Amino acid sequence: MTRKSEPVAPAPVSPDPGGVADYIVTDTAPPRVAGRRVAAGDILQLTEDQARSELIALHIRPAV
């Protein structure tokens, strides 16, 4: 007896991350901020959770 295979559904696509804001890398930042290689003046798009500790350490500042 041959078994019919069922169609495979595509993996769900995650929605766009909400609450993302732009942050500017400061001169005092190390080579990696929020797990990304950066240079002073780079702009990162981070969620509030991703940015929290980097803001406290003064590695980034909000882009205005």
Protein backbone atom coordinates (compact mmCIF):
# COMPACT_ATOMS: atom_id res chain seq x y z
CA MET A 1 0.00 0.00 0.00
CA THR A 2 1.38 3.38 -1.03
CA ARG A 3 1.06 6.22 1.39
CA LYS A 4 0.17 9.65 0.05
CA SER A 5 2.31 12.42 1.40
CA GLU A 6 0.58 15.46 2.79
CA PRO A 7 1.54 18.89 1.51
CA VAL A 8 4.06 20.66 3.68
CA ALA A 9 2.99 24.06 4.96
CA PRO A 10 5.59 26.83 4.74
CA ALA A 11 7.15 28.01 7.99
CA PRO A 12 5.38 30.99 9.50
CA VAL A 13 7.04 34.32 8.85
CA SER A 14 7.64 36.44 11.91
CA PRO A 15 6.12 39.90 11.76
CA ASP A 16 8.23 43.03 11.60
CA PRO A 17 9.70 43.76 15.01
CA GLY A 18 7.65 46.45 16.67
CA GLY A 19 9.06 49.19 18.81
CA VAL A 20 12.33 49.54 16.92
CA ALA A 21 14.16 52.85 17.28
CA ASP A 22 17.36 54.35 15.88
CA TYR A 23 20.40 54.75 18.14
CA ILE A 24 23.77 56.35 17.38
CA VAL A 25 26.97 54.62 18.50
CA THR A 26 29.06 56.90 20.75
CA ASP A 27 32.83 57.47 20.75
CA THR A 28 33.18 55.48 23.98
CA ALA A 29 31.57 52.33 22.56
CA PRO A 30 33.57 49.09 22.24
CA PRO A 31 33.95 47.36 18.85
CA ARG A 32 30.74 45.39 19.45
CA VAL A 33 27.44 46.86 20.60
CA ALA A 34 24.32 44.73 21.00
CA GLY A 35 26.22 41.85 19.39
CA ARG A 36 27.08 43.81 16.24
CA ARG A 37 30.40 45.14 14.99
CA VAL A 38 30.20 48.93 15.02
CA ALA A 39 32.18 52.15 14.71
CA ALA A 40 31.47 55.50 16.34
CA GLY A 41 28.68 57.31 14.53
CA ASP A 42 26.99 54.16 13.17
CA ILE A 43 23.21 54.02 13.46
CA LEU A 44 21.65 50.88 14.92
CA GLN A 45 17.99 49.93 14.89
CA LEU A 46 17.26 48.24 18.21
CA THR A 47 14.27 47.36 20.35
CA GLU A 48 14.02 48.85 23.81
CA ASP A 49 15.18 45.55 25.35
CA GLN A 50 18.21 45.34 23.02
CA ALA A 51 19.20 48.93 23.75
CA ARG A 52 18.70 49.04 27.51
CA SER A 53 22.14 47.94 28.76
CA GLU A 54 23.98 49.74 25.96
CA LEU A 55 22.21 52.99 26.90
CA ILE A 56 23.17 52.53 30.56
CA ALA A 57 26.80 51.92 29.54
CA LEU A 58 26.67 55.05 27.32
CA HIS A 59 27.67 53.04 24.24
CA ILE A 60 24.69 54.41 22.30
CA ARG A 61 22.37 57.41 22.43
CA PRO A 62 18.94 57.88 20.90
CA ALA A 63 18.92 59.43 17.44
CA VAL A 64 16.78 62.54 17.55
